[in-house]
Amino acid sequence: MTQTTPTGTPGLPTSVRFADEARPRFPTLAPTYLAAMRDGDPLADAFVADFPTLGRGRAMRMLRTACREGIGAVPDAPASLRALFAELDAVPDWVDLDEIDETARHLGRYTRQAGIVLGAASLVSGYANSAASRPLEMTGRYLDDAGARTIEVGSWLVEATRAGGLHRHAPGFELTVRVRLIHALVRAALRDDERWDEEA
């Protein structure tokens, strides 16, 4: 049965507030944002579902090898990992790596200012969203290991926003794929956690 909230949006989590106000205020952004509330990542989720069979360490080594050397360098890769890399290796027509690199060079001139905005405003306002920060709270990463988590995010940001950072075999590409897998691991853990309120 499809969930329907009081706002009339099927499947919208019950913790979402002001959806009706958001639609007229942001007519092009709000519908996409609200429709994506329950979107996961089927390809990453499928690979994570294979972790119990593969073993987490072995699965992550396979992922690292596929990022650095290509999926062909992982002869015993499960179908889920092959499907994930079939998508990762197919660069969409709209991706312009030269333009991304040019933008990265410009962005690099303002790293201090970007760091201030990220630390003093962007992350703070994002984590103030109780629904969005609930997974972080439940996994304990920002309660028990905040320093390491902050360094991980900073390391990813540095590599992903440098010129060439998102090219296929670059460190920023690999770290972005690893973040994608971490999010899939969190989703899997939350689904099995009795404290997780799926409806909300």
N, C-alpha and C. Protein backbone atom coordinates (compact mmCIF):
# COMPACT_ATOMS: atom_id res chain seq x y z
N MET A 1 0.84 -1.19 0.00
CA MET A 1 0.00 0.00 0.00
C MET A 1 0.88 1.25 0.00
N THR A 2 0.57 2.21 -0.83
CA THR A 2 1.34 3.45 -0.90
C THR A 2 0.98 4.35 0.27
N GLN A 3 1.98 4.87 0.94
CA GLN A 3 1.73 5.77 2.05
C GLN A 3 1.26 7.12 1.52
N THR A 4 0.33 7.73 2.23
CA THR A 4 -0.11 9.07 1.88
C THR A 4 -0.11 9.91 3.14
N THR A 5 0.55 11.04 3.07
CA THR A 5 0.63 11.94 4.22
C THR A 5 -0.55 12.90 4.18
N PRO A 6 -0.77 13.66 5.27
CA PRO A 6 -1.84 14.65 5.27
C PRO A 6 -1.73 15.66 4.12
N THR A 7 -0.54 15.88 3.59
CA THR A 7 -0.39 16.83 2.48
C THR A 7 -0.84 16.23 1.16
N GLY A 8 -1.12 14.93 1.15
CA GLY A 8 -1.61 14.29 -0.06
C GLY A 8 -0.52 13.79 -0.98
N THR A 9 0.74 13.85 -0.55
CA THR A 9 1.84 13.37 -1.38
C THR A 9 2.11 11.90 -1.06
N PRO A 10 1.88 10.98 -2.01
CA PRO A 10 2.11 9.56 -1.72
C PRO A 10 3.56 9.30 -1.35
N GLY A 11 3.76 8.57 -0.29
CA GLY A 11 5.09 8.14 0.09
C GLY A 11 5.96 9.17 0.77
N LEU A 12 5.47 10.39 0.95
CA LEU A 12 6.28 11.41 1.59
C LEU A 12 6.44 11.07 3.07
N PRO A 13 7.67 11.08 3.58
CA PRO A 13 7.86 10.77 5.01
C PRO A 13 7.04 11.70 5.89
N THR A 14 6.53 11.17 6.99
CA THR A 14 5.67 11.96 7.86
C THR A 14 6.44 13.08 8.57
N SER A 15 7.76 13.00 8.62
CA SER A 15 8.53 14.05 9.28
C SER A 15 8.76 15.28 8.41
N VAL A 16 8.42 15.19 7.13
CA VAL A 16 8.61 16.33 6.23
C VAL A 16 7.56 17.40 6.55
N ARG A 17 8.05 18.60 6.74
CA ARG A 17 7.16 19.72 7.06
C ARG A 17 7.18 20.75 5.93
N PHE A 18 6.12 21.49 5.81
CA PHE A 18 6.01 22.63 4.88
C PHE A 18 6.12 22.24 3.41
N ALA A 19 5.73 21.01 3.08
CA ALA A 19 5.78 20.59 1.67
C ALA A 19 4.83 21.43 0.82
N ASP A 20 3.64 21.72 1.36
CA ASP A 20 2.67 22.50 0.58
C ASP A 20 3.16 23.93 0.34
N GLU A 21 3.90 24.48 1.29
CA GLU A 21 4.44 25.82 1.13
C GLU A 21 5.62 25.82 0.15
N ALA A 22 6.36 24.72 0.13
CA ALA A 22 7.56 24.65 -0.72
C ALA A 22 7.21 24.60 -2.20
N ARG A 23 6.11 23.94 -2.55
CA ARG A 23 5.78 23.76 -3.97
C ARG A 23 5.60 25.09 -4.71
N PRO A 24 4.78 26.02 -4.22
CA PRO A 24 4.66 27.29 -4.95
C PRO A 24 5.91 28.18 -4.83
N ARG A 25 6.63 28.04 -3.73
CA ARG A 25 7.82 28.88 -3.54
C ARG A 25 8.97 28.44 -4.44
N PHE A 26 9.10 27.12 -4.62
CA PHE A 26 10.18 26.56 -5.44
C PHE A 26 9.56 25.59 -6.47
N PRO A 27 8.81 26.11 -7.45
CA PRO A 27 8.03 25.24 -8.34
C PRO A 27 8.84 24.27 -9.19
N THR A 28 10.11 24.57 -9.48
CA THR A 28 10.90 23.63 -10.27
C THR A 28 11.73 22.69 -9.40
N LEU A 29 12.06 23.12 -8.19
CA LEU A 29 12.92 22.31 -7.32
C LEU A 29 12.13 21.41 -6.36
N ALA A 30 11.08 21.94 -5.76
CA ALA A 30 10.37 21.20 -4.72
C ALA A 30 9.80 19.86 -5.19
N PRO A 31 9.14 19.79 -6.36
CA PRO A 31 8.59 18.49 -6.77
C PRO A 31 9.66 17.40 -6.90
N THR A 32 10.81 17.78 -7.48
CA THR A 32 11.90 16.81 -7.63
C THR A 32 12.43 16.38 -6.27
N TYR A 33 12.63 17.36 -5.39
CA TYR A 33 13.15 17.09 -4.05
C TYR A 33 12.20 16.17 -3.28
N LEU A 34 10.91 16.49 -3.32
CA LEU A 34 9.94 15.70 -2.56
C LEU A 34 9.77 14.31 -3.15
N ALA A 35 9.78 14.22 -4.48
CA ALA A 35 9.62 12.91 -5.13
C ALA A 35 10.79 11.99 -4.83
N ALA A 36 11.95 12.57 -4.53
CA ALA A 36 13.16 11.77 -4.30
C ALA A 36 13.34 11.37 -2.84
N MET A 37 12.40 11.71 -1.99
CA MET A 37 12.56 11.46 -0.55
C MET A 37 12.83 9.98 -0.22
N ARG A 38 12.28 9.09 -0.99
CA ARG A 38 12.47 7.66 -0.70
C ARG A 38 13.38 6.96 -1.72
N ASP A 39 14.04 7.77 -2.55
CA ASP A 39 14.96 7.18 -3.51
C ASP A 39 16.20 6.67 -2.79
N GLY A 40 16.62 5.50 -3.16
CA GLY A 40 17.88 4.97 -2.64
C GLY A 40 18.89 4.93 -3.77
N ASP A 41 19.68 3.90 -3.79
CA ASP A 41 20.71 3.72 -4.81
C ASP A 41 20.73 2.23 -5.12
N PRO A 42 19.85 1.77 -6.00
CA PRO A 42 19.70 0.32 -6.20
C PRO A 42 20.99 -0.41 -6.52
N LEU A 43 21.89 0.20 -7.31
CA LEU A 43 23.12 -0.50 -7.67
C LEU A 43 24.06 -0.64 -6.48
N ALA A 44 24.25 0.44 -5.72
CA ALA A 44 25.10 0.36 -4.52
C ALA A 44 24.45 -0.54 -3.47
N ASP A 45 23.13 -0.43 -3.33
CA ASP A 45 22.43 -1.26 -2.34
C ASP A 45 22.57 -2.74 -2.68
N ALA A 46 22.54 -3.07 -3.96
CA ALA A 46 22.67 -4.48 -4.37
C ALA A 46 24.07 -5.01 -4.03
N PHE A 47 25.10 -4.21 -4.26
CA PHE A 47 26.46 -4.65 -3.92
C PHE A 47 26.60 -4.83 -2.41
N VAL A 48 26.06 -3.91 -1.64
CA VAL A 48 26.11 -4.02 -0.17
C VAL A 48 25.36 -5.27 0.30
N ALA A 49 24.28 -5.62 -0.39
CA ALA A 49 23.54 -6.84 -0.03
C ALA A 49 24.40 -8.09 -0.20
N ASP A 50 25.45 -8.01 -1.02
CA ASP A 50 26.36 -9.15 -1.21
C ASP A 50 27.46 -9.20 -0.16
N PHE A 51 27.59 -8.17 0.67
CA PHE A 51 28.67 -8.13 1.66
C PHE A 51 28.68 -9.33 2.61
N PRO A 52 27.52 -9.79 3.11
CA PRO A 52 27.57 -10.95 4.02
C PRO A 52 28.20 -12.19 3.38
N THR A 53 27.99 -12.36 2.09
CA THR A 53 28.58 -13.50 1.38
C THR A 53 30.06 -13.26 1.07
N LEU A 54 30.38 -12.06 0.64
CA LEU A 54 31.76 -11.74 0.25
C LEU A 54 32.67 -11.49 1.44
N GLY A 55 32.10 -10.95 2.51
CA GLY A 55 32.91 -10.42 3.60
C GLY A 55 33.18 -8.96 3.32
N ARG A 56 33.02 -8.12 4.34
CA ARG A 56 33.13 -6.67 4.11
C ARG A 56 34.53 -6.27 3.63
N GLY A 57 35.58 -6.82 4.24
CA GLY A 57 36.93 -6.47 3.84
C GLY A 57 37.21 -6.84 2.39
N ARG A 58 36.81 -8.04 2.01
CA ARG A 58 37.04 -8.49 0.63
C ARG A 58 36.23 -7.64 -0.36
N ALA A 59 35.00 -7.33 0.00
CA ALA A 59 34.15 -6.51 -0.87
C ALA A 59 34.76 -5.13 -1.09
N MET A 60 35.27 -4.53 -0.02
CA MET A 60 35.87 -3.20 -0.16
C MET A 60 37.18 -3.26 -0.95
N ARG A 61 37.93 -4.34 -0.83
CA ARG A 61 39.15 -4.50 -1.66
C ARG A 61 38.77 -4.63 -3.13
N MET A 62 37.70 -5.36 -3.42
CA MET A 62 37.22 -5.47 -4.80
C MET A 62 36.84 -4.10 -5.33
N LEU A 63 36.14 -3.33 -4.52
CA LEU A 63 35.73 -1.99 -4.92
C LEU A 63 36.94 -1.12 -5.21
N ARG A 64 37.93 -1.16 -4.32
CA ARG A 64 39.14 -0.35 -4.50
C ARG A 64 39.87 -0.74 -5.78
N THR A 65 40.00 -2.03 -6.04
CA THR A 65 40.67 -2.49 -7.25
C THR A 65 39.91 -2.05 -8.49
N ALA A 66 38.59 -2.17 -8.46
CA ALA A 66 37.79 -1.77 -9.62
C ALA A 66 37.90 -0.27 -9.87
N CYS A 67 37.99 0.52 -8.81
CA CYS A 67 38.15 1.97 -8.97
C CYS A 67 39.51 2.29 -9.59
N ARG A 68 40.54 1.62 -9.12
CA ARG A 68 41.90 1.97 -9.54
C ARG A 68 42.33 1.32 -10.85
N GLU A 69 41.85 0.09 -11.10
CA GLU A 69 42.34 -0.65 -12.26
C GLU A 69 41.24 -1.04 -13.25
N GLY A 70 40.00 -0.82 -12.88
CA GLY A 70 38.88 -1.21 -13.74
C GLY A 70 38.28 -2.52 -13.28
N ILE A 71 37.03 -2.72 -13.64
CA ILE A 71 36.31 -3.92 -13.19
C ILE A 71 36.94 -5.19 -13.75
N GLY A 72 37.61 -5.09 -14.88
CA GLY A 72 38.27 -6.26 -15.46
C GLY A 72 39.38 -6.81 -14.60
N ALA A 73 39.90 -6.00 -13.68
CA ALA A 73 40.97 -6.44 -12.77
C ALA A 73 40.41 -7.20 -11.57
N VAL A 74 39.08 -7.38 -11.52
CA VAL A 74 38.45 -8.12 -10.42
C VAL A 74 37.74 -9.33 -11.04
N PRO A 75 38.50 -10.40 -11.33
CA PRO A 75 37.92 -11.53 -12.07
C PRO A 75 36.78 -12.23 -11.33
N ASP A 76 36.79 -12.19 -10.00
CA ASP A 76 35.74 -12.86 -9.24
C ASP A 76 34.67 -11.87 -8.75
N ALA A 77 34.55 -10.74 -9.43
CA ALA A 77 33.58 -9.72 -9.02
C ALA A 77 32.16 -10.26 -9.16
N PRO A 78 31.33 -10.03 -8.14
CA PRO A 78 29.93 -10.45 -8.26
C PRO A 78 29.19 -9.60 -9.29
N ALA A 79 28.06 -10.10 -9.73
CA ALA A 79 27.26 -9.39 -10.73
C ALA A 79 26.87 -7.99 -10.25
N SER A 80 26.65 -7.85 -8.95
CA SER A 80 26.25 -6.54 -8.41
C SER A 80 27.35 -5.51 -8.59
N LEU A 81 28.62 -5.90 -8.41
CA LEU A 81 29.73 -4.97 -8.59
C LEU A 81 29.93 -4.66 -10.06
N ARG A 82 29.74 -5.66 -10.91
CA ARG A 82 29.86 -5.43 -12.36
C ARG A 82 28.78 -4.45 -12.84
N ALA A 83 27.58 -4.59 -12.32
CA ALA A 83 26.50 -3.68 -12.70
C ALA A 83 26.79 -2.26 -12.23
N LEU A 84 27.33 -2.13 -11.03
CA LEU A 84 27.67 -0.81 -10.50
C LEU A 84 28.71 -0.14 -11.40
N PHE A 85 29.74 -0.88 -11.80
CA PHE A 85 30.79 -0.28 -12.61
C PHE A 85 30.38 -0.12 -14.07
N ALA A 86 29.40 -0.86 -14.52
CA ALA A 86 28.86 -0.61 -15.86
C ALA A 86 28.28 0.80 -15.89
N GLU A 87 27.63 1.20 -14.80
CA GLU A 87 27.11 2.57 -14.73
C GLU A 87 28.23 3.58 -14.55
N LEU A 88 29.16 3.29 -13.62
CA LEU A 88 30.23 4.25 -13.33
C LEU A 88 31.14 4.49 -14.54
N ASP A 89 31.33 3.49 -15.35
CA ASP A 89 32.22 3.63 -16.49
C ASP A 89 31.55 4.26 -17.71
N ALA A 90 30.24 4.41 -17.67
CA ALA A 90 29.50 5.02 -18.78
C ALA A 90 29.28 6.49 -18.46
N VAL A 91 30.15 7.36 -18.98
CA VAL A 91 30.05 8.79 -18.70
C VAL A 91 28.89 9.38 -19.49
N PRO A 92 27.92 9.99 -18.80
CA PRO A 92 26.77 10.58 -19.53
C PRO A 92 27.22 11.69 -20.48
N ASP A 93 26.45 11.89 -21.53
CA ASP A 93 26.78 12.91 -22.54
C ASP A 93 26.86 14.30 -21.94
N TRP A 94 26.08 14.56 -20.90
CA TRP A 94 26.03 15.91 -20.33
C TRP A 94 27.22 16.23 -19.43
N VAL A 95 28.06 15.24 -19.12
CA VAL A 95 29.23 15.49 -18.27
C VAL A 95 30.34 16.12 -19.11
N ASP A 96 30.81 17.28 -18.69
CA ASP A 96 31.88 17.99 -19.37
C ASP A 96 33.06 18.09 -18.40
N LEU A 97 33.97 17.13 -18.46
CA LEU A 97 35.09 17.09 -17.52
C LEU A 97 36.01 18.30 -17.67
N ASP A 98 36.16 18.81 -18.89
CA ASP A 98 36.99 20.01 -19.06
C ASP A 98 36.38 21.20 -18.31
N GLU A 99 35.08 21.34 -18.39
CA GLU A 99 34.39 22.43 -17.69
C GLU A 99 34.49 22.23 -16.16
N ILE A 100 34.35 21.00 -15.72
CA ILE A 100 34.48 20.70 -14.28
C ILE A 100 35.88 21.06 -13.81
N ASP A 101 36.89 20.71 -14.60
CA ASP A 101 38.27 21.03 -14.22
C ASP A 101 38.51 22.53 -14.17
N GLU A 102 37.94 23.26 -15.14
CA GLU A 102 38.09 24.71 -15.15
C GLU A 102 37.43 25.32 -13.91
N THR A 103 36.27 24.83 -13.58
CA THR A 103 35.57 25.31 -12.38
C THR A 103 36.36 24.96 -11.12
N ALA A 104 36.96 23.78 -11.10
CA ALA A 104 37.77 23.37 -9.94
C ALA A 104 38.96 24.31 -9.75
N ARG A 105 39.58 24.73 -10.86
CA ARG A 105 40.71 25.66 -10.76
C ARG A 105 40.26 26.99 -10.18
N HIS A 106 39.07 27.43 -10.57
CA HIS A 106 38.53 28.68 -10.02
C HIS A 106 38.18 28.50 -8.54
N LEU A 107 37.53 27.42 -8.23
CA LEU A 107 37.14 27.15 -6.85
C LEU A 107 38.36 27.09 -5.93
N GLY A 108 39.46 26.56 -6.46
CA GLY A 108 40.68 26.44 -5.67
C GLY A 108 41.22 27.78 -5.18
N ARG A 109 40.83 28.87 -5.84
CA ARG A 109 41.27 30.20 -5.42
C ARG A 109 40.54 30.66 -4.16
N TYR A 110 39.46 29.97 -3.80
CA TYR A 110 38.62 30.42 -2.69
C TYR A 110 38.43 29.33 -1.63
N THR A 111 39.44 28.51 -1.43
CA THR A 111 39.29 27.39 -0.49
C THR A 111 39.07 27.88 0.94
N ARG A 112 39.73 28.96 1.33
CA ARG A 112 39.55 29.46 2.70
C ARG A 112 38.10 29.91 2.91
N GLN A 113 37.59 30.69 1.97
CA GLN A 113 36.21 31.16 2.10
C GLN A 113 35.22 29.99 2.05
N ALA A 114 35.48 29.04 1.16
CA ALA A 114 34.59 27.88 1.05
C ALA A 114 34.59 27.08 2.35
N GLY A 115 35.76 26.95 2.97
CA GLY A 115 35.84 26.23 4.24
C GLY A 115 35.05 26.92 5.33
N ILE A 116 35.09 28.24 5.34
CA ILE A 116 34.32 28.99 6.34
C ILE A 116 32.82 28.78 6.12
N VAL A 117 32.40 28.89 4.87
CA VAL A 117 30.98 28.68 4.56
C VAL A 117 30.56 27.26 4.92
N LEU A 118 31.38 26.29 4.55
CA LEU A 118 31.05 24.89 4.82
C LEU A 118 30.94 24.64 6.33
N GLY A 119 31.93 25.09 7.08
CA GLY A 119 31.96 24.81 8.51
C GLY A 119 31.01 25.64 9.33
N ALA A 120 30.81 26.89 8.94
CA ALA A 120 30.02 27.79 9.78
C ALA A 120 28.56 27.88 9.36
N ALA A 121 28.24 27.47 8.16
CA ALA A 121 26.87 27.63 7.71
C ALA A 121 26.30 26.37 7.06
N SER A 122 26.92 25.88 6.00
CA SER A 122 26.34 24.80 5.22
C SER A 122 26.14 23.52 6.04
N LEU A 123 27.21 23.03 6.65
CA LEU A 123 27.10 21.79 7.44
C LEU A 123 26.19 21.99 8.64
N VAL A 124 26.34 23.13 9.30
CA VAL A 124 25.55 23.40 10.50
C VAL A 124 24.06 23.41 10.17
N SER A 125 23.67 24.12 9.11
CA SER A 125 22.25 24.17 8.76
C SER A 125 21.76 22.81 8.28
N GLY A 126 22.61 22.07 7.59
CA GLY A 126 22.22 20.74 7.14
C GLY A 126 21.98 19.80 8.31
N TYR A 127 22.87 19.82 9.29
CA TYR A 127 22.72 18.94 10.44
C TYR A 127 21.61 19.40 11.38
N ALA A 128 21.14 20.65 11.22
CA ALA A 128 20.02 21.13 12.03
C ALA A 128 18.70 20.51 11.56
N ASN A 129 18.70 19.93 10.36
CA ASN A 129 17.53 19.24 9.84
C ASN A 129 17.45 17.88 10.55
N SER A 130 16.53 17.75 11.49
CA SER A 130 16.49 16.55 12.33
C SER A 130 16.25 15.28 11.54
N ALA A 131 15.44 15.35 10.48
CA ALA A 131 15.18 14.15 9.68
C ALA A 131 16.45 13.71 8.93
N ALA A 132 17.16 14.70 8.37
CA ALA A 132 18.36 14.37 7.60
C ALA A 132 19.50 13.92 8.49
N SER A 133 19.57 14.45 9.70
CA SER A 133 20.69 14.10 10.58
C SER A 133 20.43 12.85 11.43
N ARG A 134 19.23 12.32 11.38
CA ARG A 134 18.90 11.13 12.18
C ARG A 134 19.81 9.94 11.87
N PRO A 135 20.10 9.64 10.60
CA PRO A 135 21.03 8.53 10.34
C PRO A 135 22.40 8.75 10.99
N LEU A 136 22.92 9.98 10.93
CA LEU A 136 24.21 10.27 11.57
C LEU A 136 24.13 10.04 13.07
N GLU A 137 23.03 10.47 13.65
CA GLU A 137 22.85 10.28 15.09
C GLU A 137 22.81 8.79 15.44
N MET A 138 22.07 8.02 14.66
CA MET A 138 21.90 6.60 14.98
C MET A 138 23.17 5.80 14.75
N THR A 139 23.96 6.18 13.72
CA THR A 139 25.21 5.46 13.49
C THR A 139 26.28 5.88 14.47
N GLY A 140 26.09 7.03 15.12
CA GLY A 140 27.05 7.50 16.12
C GLY A 140 28.30 8.12 15.55
N ARG A 141 28.39 8.28 14.23
CA ARG A 141 29.62 8.77 13.63
C ARG A 141 29.94 10.20 14.03
N TYR A 142 28.90 11.04 14.25
CA TYR A 142 29.16 12.41 14.65
C TYR A 142 29.00 12.61 16.15
N LEU A 143 28.72 11.54 16.86
CA LEU A 143 28.67 11.63 18.31
C LEU A 143 29.95 11.06 18.92
N ASP A 144 30.37 9.89 18.42
CA ASP A 144 31.52 9.21 19.00
C ASP A 144 32.81 9.45 18.24
N ASP A 145 32.73 9.86 16.97
CA ASP A 145 33.92 9.92 16.13
C ASP A 145 33.88 11.15 15.22
N ALA A 146 33.49 12.28 15.79
CA ALA A 146 33.26 13.48 14.99
C ALA A 146 34.53 13.94 14.27
N GLY A 147 35.66 13.89 14.95
CA GLY A 147 36.91 14.35 14.33
C GLY A 147 37.27 13.56 13.10
N ALA A 148 37.22 12.23 13.21
CA ALA A 148 37.57 11.38 12.07
C ALA A 148 36.58 11.58 10.93
N ARG A 149 35.30 11.70 11.26
CA ARG A 149 34.30 11.90 10.23
C ARG A 149 34.52 13.23 9.50
N THR A 150 34.86 14.27 10.23
CA THR A 150 35.11 15.56 9.62
C THR A 150 36.33 15.51 8.70
N ILE A 151 37.37 14.80 9.13
CA ILE A 151 38.57 14.66 8.29
C ILE A 151 38.23 13.88 7.02
N GLU A 152 37.40 12.83 7.14
CA GLU A 152 37.00 12.05 5.97
C GLU A 152 36.27 12.94 4.96
N VAL A 153 35.32 13.75 5.46
CA VAL A 153 34.57 14.63 4.57
C VAL A 153 35.51 15.64 3.92
N GLY A 154 36.40 16.22 4.72
CA GLY A 154 37.35 17.19 4.18
C GLY A 154 38.26 16.58 3.13
N SER A 155 38.74 15.35 3.38
CA SER A 155 39.62 14.67 2.41
C SER A 155 38.90 14.42 1.10
N TRP A 156 37.64 13.97 1.21
CA TRP A 156 36.86 13.76 -0.01
C TRP A 156 36.68 15.08 -0.76
N LEU A 157 36.33 16.14 -0.04
CA LEU A 157 36.07 17.43 -0.67
C LEU A 157 37.31 17.95 -1.41
N VAL A 158 38.47 17.84 -0.78
CA VAL A 158 39.71 18.30 -1.40
C VAL A 158 39.97 17.54 -2.70
N GLU A 159 39.84 16.21 -2.66
CA GLU A 159 40.15 15.40 -3.85
C GLU A 159 39.10 15.56 -4.94
N ALA A 160 37.83 15.68 -4.56
CA ALA A 160 36.76 15.75 -5.55
C ALA A 160 36.69 17.10 -6.24
N THR A 161 37.20 18.14 -5.59
CA THR A 161 37.09 19.48 -6.18
C THR A 161 38.40 20.00 -6.77
N ARG A 162 39.43 19.15 -6.82
CA ARG A 162 40.66 19.59 -7.50
C ARG A 162 40.55 19.28 -8.98
N ALA A 163 41.27 20.02 -9.81
CA ALA A 163 41.26 19.78 -11.25
C ALA A 163 41.68 18.34 -11.53
N GLY A 164 40.87 17.63 -12.29
CA GLY A 164 41.13 16.23 -12.59
C GLY A 164 40.63 15.28 -11.53
N GLY A 165 40.11 15.80 -10.44
CA GLY A 165 39.72 14.96 -9.31
C GLY A 165 38.61 13.98 -9.58
N LEU A 166 37.73 14.29 -10.54
CA LEU A 166 36.61 13.39 -10.82
C LEU A 166 36.82 12.57 -12.10
N HIS A 167 38.03 12.61 -12.65
CA HIS A 167 38.33 11.75 -13.79
C HIS A 167 38.33 10.30 -13.33
N ARG A 168 38.12 9.40 -14.26
CA ARG A 168 37.81 8.00 -13.95
C ARG A 168 38.74 7.35 -12.92
N HIS A 169 40.04 7.53 -13.02
CA HIS A 169 40.94 6.83 -12.10
C HIS A 169 41.56 7.76 -11.05
N ALA A 170 40.97 8.93 -10.88
CA ALA A 170 41.49 9.91 -9.93
C ALA A 170 41.04 9.57 -8.51
N PRO A 171 41.81 10.02 -7.51
CA PRO A 171 41.42 9.78 -6.11
C PRO A 171 40.04 10.33 -5.76
N GLY A 172 39.66 11.48 -6.32
CA GLY A 172 38.34 12.04 -6.03
C GLY A 172 37.22 11.16 -6.53
N PHE A 173 37.43 10.52 -7.67
CA PHE A 173 36.45 9.58 -8.21
C PHE A 173 36.30 8.41 -7.24
N GLU A 174 37.42 7.82 -6.84
CA GLU A 174 37.38 6.67 -5.93
C GLU A 174 36.72 7.02 -4.60
N LEU A 175 37.08 8.16 -4.04
CA LEU A 175 36.49 8.55 -2.76
C LEU A 175 34.99 8.80 -2.89
N THR A 176 34.56 9.34 -4.03
CA THR A 176 33.13 9.57 -4.25
C THR A 176 32.38 8.24 -4.32
N VAL A 177 32.97 7.27 -5.00
CA VAL A 177 32.35 5.93 -5.06
C VAL A 177 32.30 5.31 -3.67
N ARG A 178 33.36 5.49 -2.89
CA ARG A 178 33.36 4.96 -1.52
C ARG A 178 32.28 5.62 -0.66
N VAL A 179 32.07 6.92 -0.83
CA VAL A 179 31.00 7.61 -0.10
C VAL A 179 29.65 7.02 -0.49
N ARG A 180 29.49 6.75 -1.77
CA ARG A 180 28.25 6.13 -2.24
C ARG A 180 28.01 4.79 -1.55
N LEU A 181 29.07 4.00 -1.39
CA LEU A 181 28.94 2.69 -0.72
C LEU A 181 28.69 2.85 0.77
N ILE A 182 29.32 3.85 1.38
CA ILE A 182 29.09 4.10 2.80
C ILE A 182 27.62 4.43 3.04
N HIS A 183 27.04 5.24 2.17
CA HIS A 183 25.63 5.57 2.31
C HIS A 183 24.76 4.32 2.17
N ALA A 184 25.12 3.44 1.25
CA ALA A 184 24.37 2.19 1.09
C ALA A 184 24.50 1.31 2.33
N LEU A 185 25.70 1.28 2.93
CA LEU A 185 25.89 0.52 4.17
C LEU A 185 25.05 1.09 5.30
N VAL A 186 24.95 2.41 5.37
CA VAL A 186 24.13 3.04 6.40
C VAL A 186 22.66 2.68 6.19
N ARG A 187 22.18 2.74 4.94
CA ARG A 187 20.79 2.38 4.66
C ARG A 187 20.51 0.94 5.09
N ALA A 188 21.44 0.05 4.79
CA ALA A 188 21.24 -1.36 5.16
C ALA A 188 21.19 -1.51 6.67
N ALA A 189 22.07 -0.81 7.38
CA ALA A 189 22.09 -0.91 8.84
C ALA A 189 20.82 -0.35 9.45
N LEU A 190 20.32 0.76 8.91
CA LEU A 190 19.12 1.38 9.47
C LEU A 190 17.89 0.52 9.23
N ARG A 191 17.83 -0.16 8.08
CA ARG A 191 16.67 -1.02 7.81
C ARG A 191 16.54 -2.12 8.87
N ASP A 192 17.67 -2.56 9.43
CA ASP A 192 17.66 -3.63 10.43
C ASP A 192 17.62 -3.11 11.86
N ASP A 193 17.55 -1.80 12.03
CA ASP A 193 17.58 -1.21 13.37
C ASP A 193 16.16 -0.92 13.82
N GLU A 194 15.76 -1.51 14.93
CA GLU A 194 14.39 -1.35 15.41
C GLU A 194 14.06 0.10 15.79
N ARG A 195 15.08 0.92 15.99
CA ARG A 195 14.85 2.33 16.33
C ARG A 195 14.47 3.16 15.11
N TRP A 196 14.72 2.63 13.90
CA TRP A 196 14.48 3.39 12.68
C TRP A 196 12.99 3.41 12.36
N ASP A 197 12.43 4.59 12.18
CA ASP A 197 11.02 4.78 11.85
C ASP A 197 10.90 5.00 10.35
N GLU A 198 10.62 3.96 9.63
CA GLU A 198 10.60 4.03 8.16
C GLU A 198 9.55 5.02 7.66
N GLU A 199 8.40 5.06 8.30
CA GLU A 199 7.33 5.96 7.86
C GLU A 199 7.75 7.41 8.01
N ALA A 200 8.43 7.72 9.10
CA ALA A 200 8.85 9.10 9.33
C ALA A 200 10.05 9.47 8.47
